[in-house]
């Protein structure tokens, strides 16, 4: 186990904002979990479990410890003629995992290509893109209970998946350190092309009967065109969730704003386009201090170079207030804000 005191977290969050942790622990093996238990009495009020740092906004220093799980590895633990149960260590890079699965002839997560972060963080907000969510393929999650050091398996139903939500974002899971995830992937590819844009991208590539790899390639092309690269421009991807409202509220809004994109969901609810709402309020490409809304995508807030976490949060608050005033809709953030 590696330990650092007064550690900078700038290189450990995709917004690239400066913050420090009093102590930083890097876990790279099973033995490191035991060593951590001997050295740290974990307190969720002061300590932080951090993955790839791609879904967090740091607005202050961490008074306690930051724990990085960098343990890697993957193995097939069960297989049939069509499906494979794959166990993945939490420290694996998510996009590298997607590409590896495709190389093995396995499909199911190709629509989730190029999502930044580690595999262990994927269940927390039920990552999703282009018509697919992690919940569609996740079998179970193994967690280390930081109160007693015991490992437990959390099955799919216990994960309580919702739109960008899971039990791992609740108070009940504040002592859970995710160590592994298990995914049910397929050998026989069934394309998921219902999301607007994928068919068009495949057409532009001259493909009418895509393979899983070609769907992944199309998603990567779209994402690179629409979203800024966090290795170049600090950002955490989509900063706001698409609002979910009742069907009746969606119909009223659609009558008033005819061009508002509305996506019907189950139980007479509908998802609205947060990007459209933000653009209508004139925020796309606009800056406040050293923080700005990307001119590539209105859902993405960026660090223009020297932004603090507080500056980014102030921009987010200003956007939220303008959406509330004009549309009477309360936007919710995707990243964890500290």
Protein backbone atom coordinates (compact mmCIF):
# COMPACT_ATOMS: atom_id res chain seq x y z
CA UNK A 1 0.00 0.00 0.00
CA UNK A 2 1.28 3.43 -0.93
CA UNK A 3 0.69 6.38 1.37
CA UNK A 4 1.19 10.10 0.76
CA UNK A 5 0.69 13.02 3.13
CA UNK A 6 -0.73 16.40 2.08
CA UNK A 7 -1.31 15.00 -1.39
CA UNK A 8 -2.46 17.11 -4.33
CA UNK A 9 -5.63 15.78 -5.97
CA UNK A 10 -5.38 17.91 -9.10
CA UNK A 11 -4.26 14.98 -11.25
CA UNK A 12 -6.89 12.72 -9.69
CA UNK A 13 -10.03 14.62 -10.75
CA UNK A 14 -11.04 15.19 -14.36
CA UNK A 15 -11.98 18.83 -13.69
CA UNK A 16 -8.28 19.33 -12.83
CA UNK A 17 -9.13 21.62 -9.92
CA UNK A 18 -6.62 21.95 -7.12
CA UNK A 19 -7.40 20.39 -3.77
CA UNK A 20 -5.37 18.49 -1.19
CA UNK A 21 -5.95 15.48 1.02
CA UNK A 22 -4.37 15.15 4.43
CA UNK A 23 -3.57 11.53 3.59
CA UNK A 24 -3.77 9.53 0.36
CA UNK A 25 -3.82 5.72 0.30
CA UNK A 26 -3.33 3.79 -2.95
CA UNK A 27 -4.52 0.16 -2.88
CA UNK A 28 -3.00 -2.19 -5.44
CA UNK A 29 -3.54 -5.68 -4.00
CA UNK A 30 -5.85 -7.67 -1.75
CA UNK A 31 -3.27 -7.38 1.05
CA UNK A 32 -3.51 -3.60 0.80
CA UNK A 33 -7.12 -3.76 1.97
CA UNK A 34 -6.00 -5.42 5.19
CA UNK A 35 -3.16 -2.94 5.65
CA UNK A 36 -5.63 -0.07 5.20
CA UNK A 37 -7.93 -1.50 7.88
CA UNK A 38 -5.00 -1.61 10.31
CA UNK A 39 -4.04 2.02 9.66
CA UNK A 40 -7.31 3.86 9.05
CA UNK A 41 -10.60 3.96 10.92
CA UNK A 42 -12.72 5.07 7.98
CA UNK A 43 -15.07 8.00 8.59
CA UNK A 44 -17.32 8.99 5.66
CA UNK A 45 -17.72 12.45 7.16
CA UNK A 46 -14.03 13.24 6.57
CA UNK A 47 -12.66 10.48 4.31
CA UNK A 48 -13.29 9.91 0.60
CA UNK A 49 -13.21 6.84 -1.63
CA UNK A 50 -12.14 8.03 -5.08
CA UNK A 51 -12.18 6.16 -8.38
CA UNK A 52 -11.11 7.79 -11.65
CA UNK A 53 -12.21 11.22 -10.42
CA UNK A 54 -14.38 11.72 -13.50
CA UNK A 55 -17.63 12.23 -11.61
CA UNK A 56 -16.68 14.53 -8.77
CA UNK A 57 -16.28 18.25 -8.16
CA UNK A 58 -13.90 19.20 -5.35
CA UNK A 59 -14.65 22.60 -3.86
CA UNK A 60 -12.44 22.20 -0.80
CA UNK A 61 -9.58 20.19 0.65
CA UNK A 62 -10.19 16.74 2.14
CA UNK A 63 -9.52 16.96 5.88
CA UNK A 64 -9.20 13.19 6.24
CA UNK A 65 -7.99 10.45 3.91
CA UNK A 66 -8.57 9.72 0.24
CA UNK A 67 -8.60 6.05 -0.75
CA UNK A 68 -7.75 5.06 -4.32
CA UNK A 69 -8.53 1.50 -5.37
CA UNK A 70 -6.08 0.75 -8.18
CA UNK A 71 -6.36 -3.03 -8.05
CA UNK A 72 -6.76 -4.45 -11.55
CA UNK A 73 -7.66 -7.76 -13.10
CA UNK A 74 -10.55 -9.54 -14.80
CA UNK A 75 -11.62 -13.15 -15.13
CA UNK A 76 -14.45 -15.19 -16.56
CA UNK A 77 -16.08 -17.07 -13.71
CA UNK A 78 -19.03 -18.61 -15.54
CA UNK A 79 -19.99 -19.12 -19.17
CA UNK A 80 -22.59 -20.72 -21.40
CA UNK A 81 -23.10 -20.93 -25.14
CA UNK A 82 -24.28 -17.32 -25.28
CA UNK A 83 -23.36 -15.54 -22.05
CA UNK A 84 -20.29 -14.95 -19.94
CA UNK A 85 -20.13 -13.79 -16.34
CA UNK A 86 -17.09 -11.53 -16.11
CA UNK A 87 -15.60 -10.40 -12.79
CA UNK A 88 -13.70 -7.12 -12.99
CA UNK A 89 -11.54 -5.46 -10.34
CA UNK A 90 -12.67 -1.97 -9.43
CA UNK A 91 -9.44 -0.29 -10.49
CA UNK A 92 -9.77 -1.30 -14.15
CA UNK A 93 -10.17 1.58 -16.60
CA UNK A 94 -13.74 1.41 -17.90
CA UNK A 95 -13.08 2.24 -21.57
CA UNK A 96 -10.16 -0.19 -21.71
CA UNK A 97 -12.52 -2.84 -20.31
CA UNK A 98 -15.04 -2.13 -23.09
CA UNK A 99 -12.35 -2.52 -25.76
CA UNK A 100 -11.02 -5.70 -24.13
CA UNK A 101 -14.50 -7.25 -24.03
CA UNK A 102 -14.91 -6.57 -27.75
CA UNK A 103 -11.56 -8.22 -28.47
CA UNK A 104 -12.88 -11.32 -26.67
CA UNK A 105 -15.99 -11.38 -28.84
CA UNK A 106 -18.21 -10.20 -25.96
CA UNK A 107 -20.91 -7.58 -26.32
CA UNK A 108 -23.31 -5.65 -24.15
CA UNK A 109 -21.29 -2.58 -23.15
CA UNK A 110 -20.19 -1.29 -26.58
CA UNK A 111 -22.65 1.65 -26.32
CA UNK A 112 -20.82 2.69 -23.13
CA UNK A 113 -17.52 3.24 -24.95
CA UNK A 114 -15.28 6.17 -24.01
CA UNK A 115 -16.99 6.87 -20.69
CA UNK A 116 -14.15 7.98 -18.41
CA UNK A 117 -13.48 6.50 -14.99
CA UNK A 118 -12.88 3.17 -13.30
CA UNK A 119 -15.03 0.05 -13.40
CA UNK A 120 -15.72 0.24 -9.67
CA UNK A 121 -17.37 3.64 -10.03
CA UNK A 122 -19.68 2.52 -12.84
CA UNK A 123 -22.43 1.11 -10.56
CA UNK A 124 -22.53 4.19 -8.36
CA UNK A 125 -24.47 6.35 -10.78
CA UNK A 126 -25.53 3.53 -13.09
CA UNK A 127 -23.53 4.93 -16.01
CA UNK A 128 -25.46 5.10 -19.24
CA UNK A 129 -25.17 6.35 -22.80
CA UNK A 130 -26.78 5.85 -26.20
CA UNK A 131 -29.69 3.77 -24.98
CA UNK A 132 -27.78 1.44 -22.62
CA UNK A 133 -27.23 1.53 -18.85
CA UNK A 134 -24.87 -0.48 -16.70
CA UNK A 135 -27.95 -1.99 -15.03
CA UNK A 136 -28.66 -3.80 -18.31
CA UNK A 137 -25.58 -6.01 -17.88
CA UNK A 138 -24.58 -5.86 -14.22
CA UNK A 139 -25.00 -9.07 -12.23
CA UNK A 140 -23.61 -8.08 -8.82
CA UNK A 141 -21.13 -5.88 -6.96
CA UNK A 142 -18.65 -6.95 -4.32
CA UNK A 143 -17.98 -4.41 -1.60
CA UNK A 144 -15.67 -4.21 1.37
CA UNK A 145 -17.48 -3.03 4.47
CA UNK A 146 -15.12 -0.44 5.93
CA UNK A 147 -16.61 -0.87 9.40
CA UNK A 148 -15.56 -4.50 9.87
CA UNK A 149 -13.44 -5.44 6.84
CA UNK A 150 -15.90 -8.08 5.60
CA UNK A 151 -16.68 -8.52 1.90
CA UNK A 152 -20.29 -8.85 0.81
CA UNK A 153 -21.96 -9.36 -2.56
CA UNK A 154 -24.74 -6.98 -3.57
CA UNK A 155 -26.99 -8.51 -6.22
CA UNK A 156 -28.68 -6.63 -9.03
CA UNK A 157 -31.96 -5.97 -7.25
CA UNK A 158 -30.16 -4.82 -4.10
CA UNK A 159 -28.27 -2.22 -6.15
CA UNK A 160 -31.54 -0.27 -6.48
CA UNK A 161 -30.66 1.08 -9.90
CA UNK A 162 -32.43 4.13 -11.26
CA UNK A 163 -31.61 6.91 -13.67
CA UNK A 164 -28.03 7.86 -12.74
CA UNK A 165 -28.65 6.41 -9.31
CA UNK A 166 -27.96 3.35 -7.17
CA UNK A 167 -27.79 2.35 -3.51
CA UNK A 168 -24.08 3.21 -3.60
CA UNK A 169 -24.99 6.90 -3.69
CA UNK A 170 -27.12 6.64 -0.56
CA UNK A 171 -26.32 7.05 3.12
CA UNK A 172 -26.80 3.30 3.58
CA UNK A 173 -23.68 2.63 1.48
CA UNK A 174 -21.38 5.26 2.96
CA UNK A 175 -18.98 2.61 4.32
CA UNK A 176 -18.90 0.52 1.12
CA UNK A 177 -15.67 0.25 -0.83
CA UNK A 178 -16.44 -1.41 -4.16
CA UNK A 179 -13.75 -3.98 -4.95
CA UNK A 180 -15.23 -5.90 -7.93
CA UNK A 181 -18.16 -5.83 -10.33
CA UNK A 182 -19.65 -8.74 -12.25
CA UNK A 183 -21.06 -8.25 -15.74
CA UNK A 184 -23.22 -10.60 -17.80
CA UNK A 185 -21.98 -10.17 -21.38
CA UNK A 186 -23.03 -11.90 -24.61
CA UNK A 187 -21.28 -13.87 -27.32
CA UNK A 188 -24.13 -13.32 -29.79
CA UNK A 189 -24.34 -9.62 -30.60
CA UNK A 190 -27.73 -7.90 -30.46
CA UNK A 191 -27.30 -4.26 -31.52
CA UNK A 192 -28.92 -1.47 -29.50
CA UNK A 193 -29.35 1.32 -32.04
CA UNK A 194 -32.50 3.07 -30.86
CA UNK A 195 -30.69 6.14 -29.53
CA UNK A 196 -30.77 9.04 -31.98
CA UNK A 197 -27.49 9.52 -33.78
CA UNK A 198 -25.99 6.03 -33.82
CA UNK A 199 -27.81 4.91 -36.98
CA UNK A 200 -26.83 8.15 -38.69
CA UNK A 201 -23.20 7.75 -37.64
CA UNK A 202 -23.10 4.16 -38.88
CA UNK A 203 -24.62 5.29 -42.20
CA UNK A 204 -21.87 7.89 -42.55
CA UNK A 205 -19.37 5.05 -42.00
CA UNK A 206 -21.02 3.03 -44.78
CA UNK A 207 -22.25 0.34 -42.37
CA UNK A 208 -25.78 -1.11 -42.42
CA UNK A 209 -25.24 -4.33 -40.45
CA UNK A 210 -22.79 -3.33 -37.71
CA UNK A 211 -20.68 -5.52 -35.48
CA UNK A 212 -20.34 -4.70 -31.79
CA UNK A 213 -16.93 -3.18 -32.51
CA UNK A 214 -18.40 -0.95 -35.22
CA UNK A 215 -21.11 0.27 -32.83
CA UNK A 216 -18.34 1.08 -30.34
CA UNK A 217 -16.43 2.93 -33.06
CA UNK A 218 -19.53 4.96 -33.93
CA UNK A 219 -20.11 5.89 -30.28
CA UNK A 220 -16.47 6.93 -29.92
CA UNK A 221 -16.71 9.14 -33.01
CA UNK A 222 -19.86 10.82 -31.70
CA UNK A 223 -18.47 11.38 -28.22
CA UNK A 224 -15.18 12.80 -29.50
CA UNK A 225 -17.05 15.19 -31.75
CA UNK A 226 -19.57 16.34 -29.12
CA UNK A 227 -17.61 16.27 -25.86
CA UNK A 228 -14.33 17.92 -24.84
CA UNK A 229 -11.46 15.59 -23.97
CA UNK A 230 -10.90 15.79 -20.17
CA UNK A 231 -7.19 15.16 -20.67
CA UNK A 232 -7.08 18.47 -22.58
CA UNK A 233 -9.91 20.50 -21.03
CA UNK A 234 -10.98 19.83 -17.45
CA UNK A 235 -14.56 18.55 -17.27
CA UNK A 236 -16.69 15.75 -15.81
CA UNK A 237 -18.85 15.05 -18.85
CA UNK A 238 -22.54 15.80 -18.41
CA UNK A 239 -22.87 17.97 -15.33
CA UNK A 240 -26.67 17.90 -15.13
CA UNK A 241 -29.14 15.05 -15.30
CA UNK A 242 -31.95 15.19 -17.82
CA UNK A 243 -35.02 16.15 -15.75
CA UNK A 244 -37.70 13.49 -15.33
CA UNK A 245 -41.22 14.85 -14.99
CA UNK A 246 -44.76 13.47 -15.04
CA UNK A 247 -46.36 12.79 -18.39
CA UNK A 248 -48.91 15.55 -17.84
CA UNK A 249 -46.18 18.09 -17.00
CA UNK A 250 -44.23 17.06 -20.10
CA UNK A 251 -47.30 17.59 -22.30
CA UNK A 252 -47.89 21.04 -20.85
CA UNK A 253 -44.26 22.02 -21.45
CA UNK A 254 -44.38 20.61 -24.98
CA UNK A 255 -47.47 22.70 -25.73
CA UNK A 256 -45.67 25.82 -24.55
CA UNK A 257 -42.25 24.99 -26.02
CA UNK A 258 -42.88 23.01 -29.20
CA UNK A 259 -39.21 22.24 -29.90
CA UNK A 260 -38.49 20.84 -26.43
CA UNK A 261 -37.16 17.26 -26.81
CA UNK A 262 -39.32 14.90 -24.74
CA UNK A 263 -38.55 11.20 -24.24
CA UNK A 264 -41.46 9.16 -22.81
CA UNK A 265 -40.57 6.71 -20.04
CA UNK A 266 -42.42 4.13 -17.98
CA UNK A 267 -45.18 4.94 -15.46
CA UNK A 268 -46.37 7.98 -17.41
CA UNK A 269 -43.17 9.93 -16.88
CA UNK A 270 -40.93 11.62 -19.42
CA UNK A 271 -37.32 12.71 -19.65
CA UNK A 272 -36.56 16.21 -20.90
CA UNK A 273 -33.38 17.44 -22.55
CA UNK A 274 -31.38 19.43 -20.01
CA UNK A 275 -29.03 20.54 -22.81
CA UNK A 276 -31.94 22.11 -24.70
CA UNK A 277 -33.14 23.93 -21.60
CA UNK A 278 -29.66 25.29 -20.94
CA UNK A 279 -29.22 26.43 -24.55
CA UNK A 280 -32.59 28.24 -24.47
CA UNK A 281 -31.29 30.26 -21.53
CA UNK A 282 -28.24 31.30 -23.56
CA UNK A 283 -25.58 29.47 -21.54
CA UNK A 284 -23.88 27.38 -24.22
CA UNK A 285 -20.31 28.67 -24.68
CA UNK A 286 -20.69 31.28 -21.91
CA UNK A 287 -18.11 31.78 -19.13
CA UNK A 288 -18.13 32.97 -15.54
CA UNK A 289 -14.61 33.67 -14.37
CA UNK A 290 -12.44 30.65 -15.13
CA UNK A 291 -15.40 28.27 -15.58
CA UNK A 292 -17.52 27.95 -18.70
CA UNK A 293 -20.19 25.98 -20.49
CA UNK A 294 -18.64 24.05 -23.36
CA UNK A 295 -19.44 25.33 -26.82
CA UNK A 296 -19.52 21.68 -27.93
CA UNK A 297 -22.26 20.53 -25.56
CA UNK A 298 -24.41 22.58 -23.19
CA UNK A 299 -24.44 19.85 -20.50
CA UNK A 300 -20.67 20.04 -20.06
CA UNK A 301 -19.08 22.56 -17.70
CA UNK A 302 -15.37 23.11 -18.23
CA UNK A 303 -12.32 24.43 -16.42
CA UNK A 304 -10.83 26.96 -18.82
CA UNK A 305 -7.46 26.61 -17.12
CA UNK A 306 -7.37 27.93 -13.58
CA UNK A 307 -10.89 27.42 -12.26
CA UNK A 308 -11.49 26.48 -8.66
CA UNK A 309 -14.16 24.01 -7.74
CA UNK A 310 -16.13 26.86 -6.21
CA UNK A 311 -16.10 28.80 -9.50
CA UNK A 312 -17.48 25.77 -11.35
CA UNK A 313 -20.16 25.28 -8.70
CA UNK A 314 -21.12 28.96 -8.86
CA UNK A 315 -21.60 28.62 -12.62
CA UNK A 316 -23.72 25.51 -12.12
CA UNK A 317 -25.85 27.32 -9.55
CA UNK A 318 -26.37 30.28 -11.89
CA UNK A 319 -27.48 27.93 -14.68
CA UNK A 320 -29.85 26.11 -12.35
CA UNK A 321 -31.41 29.36 -11.18
CA UNK A 322 -32.07 30.54 -14.74
CA UNK A 323 -33.68 27.21 -15.70
CA UNK A 324 -35.87 27.37 -12.61
CA UNK A 325 -36.99 30.92 -13.43
CA UNK A 326 -37.84 30.26 -17.07
CA UNK A 327 -39.15 26.68 -17.03
CA UNK A 328 -39.91 26.04 -13.32
CA UNK A 329 -37.67 22.96 -13.50
CA UNK A 330 -35.04 22.14 -10.89
CA UNK A 331 -31.92 20.68 -12.50
CA UNK A 332 -30.00 18.02 -10.58
CA UNK A 333 -26.27 17.51 -10.88
CA UNK A 334 -24.61 14.27 -11.95
CA UNK A 335 -21.18 14.63 -10.26
CA UNK A 336 -20.67 14.21 -6.54
CA UNK A 337 -19.99 17.66 -5.13
CA UNK A 338 -17.73 18.10 -2.11
